């Protein structure tokens, strides 16, 4: 956990461009954005991904989506639309093993992704 890049960002050891922060969650700009709006929602509690979540983590997911809705409205992308993405394990694109969510918006997002 000490070497986890997101834990280091949470401890302010690595600089980031903060969008939002509260006691449960940090939202930052992605350093390699794939769209005009690309934020990372990083829970302050460290766990790798949804495969190791516990029941006490359930409220965290609702909080992530509530904050995402608020930020989408604030950033002017709510009406146009946005995508929330969570990658689990390597084949799905997870490269940092600290659960996190991407908010992507500001351009047309094709389906299916990838």
Protein backbone atom coordinates (compact mmCIF):
# COMPACT_ATOMS: atom_id res chain seq x y z
CA UNK A 1 0.00 0.00 0.00
CA UNK A 2 2.87 2.41 0.77
CA UNK A 3 4.09 2.27 -2.83
CA UNK A 4 0.62 2.56 -4.39
CA UNK A 5 0.68 5.63 -6.63
CA UNK A 6 -2.86 6.63 -5.61
CA UNK A 7 -2.06 6.24 -1.91
CA UNK A 8 0.96 8.49 -2.49
CA UNK A 9 -1.27 11.05 -4.23
CA UNK A 10 -3.70 10.85 -1.31
CA UNK A 11 -0.80 11.56 1.08
CA UNK A 12 0.26 14.54 -1.11
CA UNK A 13 3.60 12.87 -1.88
CA UNK A 14 2.84 13.14 -5.60
CA UNK A 15 1.26 16.34 -6.94
CA UNK A 16 -2.13 16.21 -8.62
CA UNK A 17 -4.72 18.60 -10.00
CA UNK A 18 -7.52 18.24 -7.47
CA UNK A 19 -11.10 18.73 -8.60
CA UNK A 20 -12.89 17.63 -5.42
CA UNK A 21 -12.07 16.16 -2.02
CA UNK A 22 -13.98 15.03 1.04
CA UNK A 23 -13.42 12.51 3.84
CA UNK A 24 -14.09 9.50 1.55
CA UNK A 25 -12.95 10.52 -1.90
CA UNK A 26 -10.43 12.47 -3.95
CA UNK A 27 -11.16 13.48 -7.55
CA UNK A 28 -8.26 14.57 -9.75
CA UNK A 29 -7.60 15.28 -13.41
CA UNK A 30 -6.15 12.28 -15.27
CA UNK A 31 -2.55 12.92 -16.36
CA UNK A 32 -3.21 11.23 -19.72
CA UNK A 33 -6.75 12.32 -20.62
CA UNK A 34 -8.67 10.53 -23.36
CA UNK A 35 -11.33 13.25 -23.55
CA UNK A 36 -11.68 16.95 -22.70
CA UNK A 37 -13.07 15.90 -19.31
CA UNK A 38 -11.24 12.96 -17.74
CA UNK A 39 -11.31 12.76 -13.96
CA UNK A 40 -10.20 9.98 -11.62
CA UNK A 41 -12.36 9.24 -8.57
CA UNK A 42 -10.04 7.73 -5.95
CA UNK A 43 -11.51 6.40 -2.71
CA UNK A 44 -9.36 7.18 0.31
CA UNK A 45 -9.71 3.60 1.51
CA UNK A 46 -7.21 1.36 -0.25
CA UNK A 47 -8.39 -1.88 -1.78
CA UNK A 48 -7.41 -3.29 -5.15
CA UNK A 49 -10.77 -3.57 -6.94
CA UNK A 50 -14.36 -4.74 -6.64
CA UNK A 51 -13.25 -8.35 -6.24
CA UNK A 52 -12.04 -7.59 -2.71
CA UNK A 53 -14.75 -5.17 -1.58
CA UNK A 54 -16.50 -5.83 1.68
CA UNK A 55 -20.09 -4.97 2.64
CA UNK A 56 -18.93 -1.86 4.51
CA UNK A 57 -17.68 -0.49 1.16
CA UNK A 58 -21.17 -0.46 -0.38
CA UNK A 59 -21.95 3.16 0.55
CA UNK A 60 -18.73 4.27 -1.11
CA UNK A 61 -20.02 3.37 -4.57
CA UNK A 62 -23.16 5.44 -4.11
CA UNK A 63 -21.02 8.34 -2.95
CA UNK A 64 -18.79 8.09 -6.04
CA UNK A 65 -21.81 8.30 -8.35
CA UNK A 66 -23.41 11.13 -6.39
CA UNK A 67 -20.23 13.19 -6.60
CA UNK A 68 -19.89 12.29 -10.30
CA UNK A 69 -23.36 13.67 -10.98
CA UNK A 70 -22.61 16.87 -9.13
CA UNK A 71 -19.29 17.38 -10.95
CA UNK A 72 -20.90 16.61 -14.33
CA UNK A 73 -23.42 19.39 -13.72
CA UNK A 74 -20.73 21.79 -12.48
CA UNK A 75 -18.47 21.09 -15.47
CA UNK A 76 -21.33 21.43 -17.97
CA UNK A 77 -21.29 17.87 -19.32
CA UNK A 78 -24.37 16.43 -17.61
CA UNK A 79 -26.84 17.22 -20.39
CA UNK A 80 -24.50 16.03 -23.15
CA UNK A 81 -23.57 12.86 -21.30
CA UNK A 82 -20.60 11.23 -19.65
CA UNK A 83 -19.22 7.80 -18.91
CA UNK A 84 -18.06 6.30 -15.60
CA UNK A 85 -15.54 3.46 -16.08
CA UNK A 86 -13.99 1.01 -13.64
CA UNK A 87 -11.39 -1.46 -14.87
CA UNK A 88 -10.83 -4.68 -12.93
CA UNK A 89 -7.59 -6.58 -13.45
CA UNK A 90 -5.05 -6.45 -16.25
CA UNK A 91 -7.05 -7.70 -19.25
CA UNK A 92 -9.65 -4.99 -18.55
CA UNK A 93 -7.00 -2.27 -18.38
CA UNK A 94 -6.44 -1.89 -14.64
CA UNK A 95 -2.89 -0.63 -14.16
CA UNK A 96 -3.14 0.79 -10.63
CA UNK A 97 -4.42 -1.69 -8.07
CA UNK A 98 -6.30 0.81 -5.92
CA UNK A 99 -9.97 0.92 -6.85
CA UNK A 100 -10.79 4.02 -8.89
CA UNK A 101 -13.26 5.27 -11.44
CA UNK A 102 -12.79 7.34 -14.58
CA UNK A 103 -15.27 10.03 -15.60
CA UNK A 104 -14.93 10.68 -19.33
CA UNK A 105 -16.87 13.39 -21.16
CA UNK A 106 -16.69 16.27 -23.58
CA UNK A 107 -16.64 14.28 -26.82
CA UNK A 108 -18.70 11.57 -28.49
CA UNK A 109 -18.06 8.23 -26.78
CA UNK A 110 -18.52 5.25 -29.09
CA UNK A 111 -20.05 1.95 -28.07
CA UNK A 112 -18.80 -0.67 -27.61
CA UNK A 113 -15.67 0.74 -25.97
CA UNK A 114 -12.18 -0.64 -26.45
